[in-house]
Amino acid sequence: MTDEIIGTSSVLDKEKVMDVKNNFREEEYAEISLGVGLFLGMSKVLIAFGLEPEDMQTTLLPTPGSEQKKV
């Protein structure tokens, strides 16, 4: 599910979401989802401000609904 959240610009695959929901309690599912979302958002902020470590490899993924800028 984490890979789907980070690498997909569309609705999550329902089968994978159901697999996670079947293996985790509702509270755990919410915590995983929010945690991934917060880390993804914070990484975008750090990269936008140029605050990521110099030796960190970055992969540019477009935000849904926006045009990807060339860096």
C-alpha atoms as a PDB file:
ATOM      1  CA  MET A   1       0.000   0.000   0.000  1.00  0.00           C
ATOM      2  CA  THR A   2       2.891   2.356   0.763  1.00  0.00           C
ATOM      3  CA  ASP A   3       4.258   1.882  -2.756  1.00  0.00           C
ATOM      4  CA  GLU A   4       0.799   2.610  -4.153  1.00  0.00           C
ATOM      5  CA  ILE A   5       0.473   5.837  -2.129  1.00  0.00           C
ATOM      6  CA  ILE A   6       3.922   7.086  -3.088  1.00  0.00           C
ATOM      7  CA  GLY A   7       4.140   5.950  -6.689  1.00  0.00           C
ATOM      8  CA  THR A   8       0.600   6.269  -7.979  1.00  0.00           C
ATOM      9  CA  SER A   9      -1.216   9.394  -9.040  1.00  0.00           C
ATOM     10  CA  SER A  10      -4.595   7.692  -9.117  1.00  0.00           C
ATOM     11  CA  VAL A  11      -6.972   5.902  -6.782  1.00  0.00           C
ATOM     12  CA  LEU A  12      -5.393   3.072  -4.811  1.00  0.00           C
ATOM     13  CA  ASP A  13      -5.936  -0.479  -6.019  1.00  0.00           C
ATOM     14  CA  LYS A  14      -8.967  -1.710  -4.026  1.00  0.00           C
ATOM     15  CA  GLU A  15      -7.613  -5.265  -3.789  1.00  0.00           C
ATOM     16  CA  LYS A  16      -4.398  -4.064  -2.102  1.00  0.00           C
ATOM     17  CA  VAL A  17      -6.310  -1.773   0.231  1.00  0.00           C
ATOM     18  CA  MET A  18      -8.586  -4.658   1.249  1.00  0.00           C
ATOM     19  CA  ASP A  19      -5.540  -6.870   1.832  1.00  0.00           C
ATOM     20  CA  VAL A  20      -4.121  -4.279   4.234  1.00  0.00           C
ATOM     21  CA  LYS A  21      -7.493  -3.779   5.934  1.00  0.00           C
ATOM     22  CA  ASN A  22      -7.819  -7.547   6.383  1.00  0.00           C
ATOM     23  CA  ASN A  23      -4.383  -7.782   8.036  1.00  0.00           C
ATOM     24  CA  PHE A  24      -4.426  -4.682  10.249  1.00  0.00           C
ATOM     25  CA  ARG A  25      -6.890  -3.231  12.713  1.00  0.00           C
ATOM     26  CA  GLU A  26      -8.681  -0.031  11.641  1.00  0.00           C
ATOM     27  CA  GLU A  27      -6.447   2.032  13.940  1.00  0.00           C
ATOM     28  CA  GLU A  28      -3.296   0.506  12.405  1.00  0.00           C
ATOM     29  CA  TYR A  29      -4.600   1.078   8.866  1.00  0.00           C
ATOM     30  CA  ALA A  30      -5.271   4.725   9.705  1.00  0.00           C
ATOM     31  CA  GLU A  31      -1.848   5.137  11.321  1.00  0.00           C
ATOM     32  CA  ILE A  32      -0.035   3.614   8.338  1.00  0.00           C
ATOM     33  CA  SER A  33      -1.995   5.738   5.860  1.00  0.00           C
ATOM     34  CA  LEU A  34      -1.491   8.987   7.766  1.00  0.00           C
ATOM     35  CA  GLY A  35       2.162   8.234   8.474  1.00  0.00           C
ATOM     36  CA  VAL A  36       2.959   7.615   4.815  1.00  0.00           C
ATOM     37  CA  GLY A  37       1.035  10.729   3.796  1.00  0.00           C
ATOM     38  CA  LEU A  38       2.842  12.909   6.342  1.00  0.00           C
ATOM     39  CA  PHE A  39       6.287  11.599   5.387  1.00  0.00           C
ATOM     40  CA  LEU A  40       5.520  12.043   1.685  1.00  0.00           C
ATOM     41  CA  GLY A  41       4.333  15.596   2.243  1.00  0.00           C
ATOM     42  CA  MET A  42       7.327  16.497   4.413  1.00  0.00           C
ATOM     43  CA  SER A  43       9.758  15.066   1.871  1.00  0.00           C
ATOM     44  CA  LYS A  44       8.199  17.254  -0.837  1.00  0.00           C
ATOM     45  CA  VAL A  45       8.589  20.330   1.402  1.00  0.00           C
ATOM     46  CA  LEU A  46      12.233  19.536   2.207  1.00  0.00           C
ATOM     47  CA  ILE A  47      13.077  18.959  -1.450  1.00  0.00           C
ATOM     48  CA  ALA A  48      11.240  22.137  -2.520  1.00  0.00           C
ATOM     49  CA  PHE A  49      13.350  24.157  -0.074  1.00  0.00           C
ATOM     50  CA  GLY A  50      16.552  22.322  -1.046  1.00  0.00           C
ATOM     51  CA  LEU A  51      16.990  20.883   2.444  1.00  0.00           C
ATOM     52  CA  GLU A  52      17.491  17.224   1.560  1.00  0.00           C
ATOM     53  CA  PRO A  53      20.964  15.750   2.201  1.00  0.00           C
ATOM     54  CA  GLU A  54      23.298  16.260  -0.769  1.00  0.00           C
ATOM     55  CA  ASP A  55      24.077  12.541  -1.005  1.00  0.00           C
ATOM     56  CA  MET A  56      20.391  11.543  -0.966  1.00  0.00           C
ATOM     57  CA  GLN A  57      19.107  10.077  -4.216  1.00  0.00           C
ATOM     58  CA  THR A  58      15.813  11.647  -5.219  1.00  0.00           C
ATOM     59  CA  THR A  59      13.144  10.504  -7.614  1.00  0.00           C
ATOM     60  CA  LEU A  60      10.844  13.155  -9.030  1.00  0.00           C
ATOM     61  CA  LEU A  61       7.215  12.091  -9.210  1.00  0.00           C
ATOM     62  CA  PRO A  62       4.609  14.573 -10.376  1.00  0.00           C
ATOM     63  CA  THR A  63       1.912  15.590  -7.951  1.00  0.00           C
ATOM     64  CA  PRO A  64      -1.460  14.621  -9.403  1.00  0.00           C
ATOM     65  CA  GLY A  65      -2.993  17.538 -11.282  1.00  0.00           C
ATOM     66  CA  SER A  66       0.258  19.440 -11.710  1.00  0.00           C
ATOM     67  CA  GLU A  67       2.785  19.621 -14.478  1.00  0.00           C
ATOM     68  CA  GLN A  68       6.209  18.121 -13.759  1.00  0.00           C
ATOM     69  CA  LYS A  69       8.927  20.756 -13.834  1.00  0.00           C
ATOM     70  CA  LYS A  70      12.328  19.901 -15.249  1.00  0.00           C
ATOM     71  CA  VAL A  71      15.126  20.271 -12.711  1.00  0.00           C
END
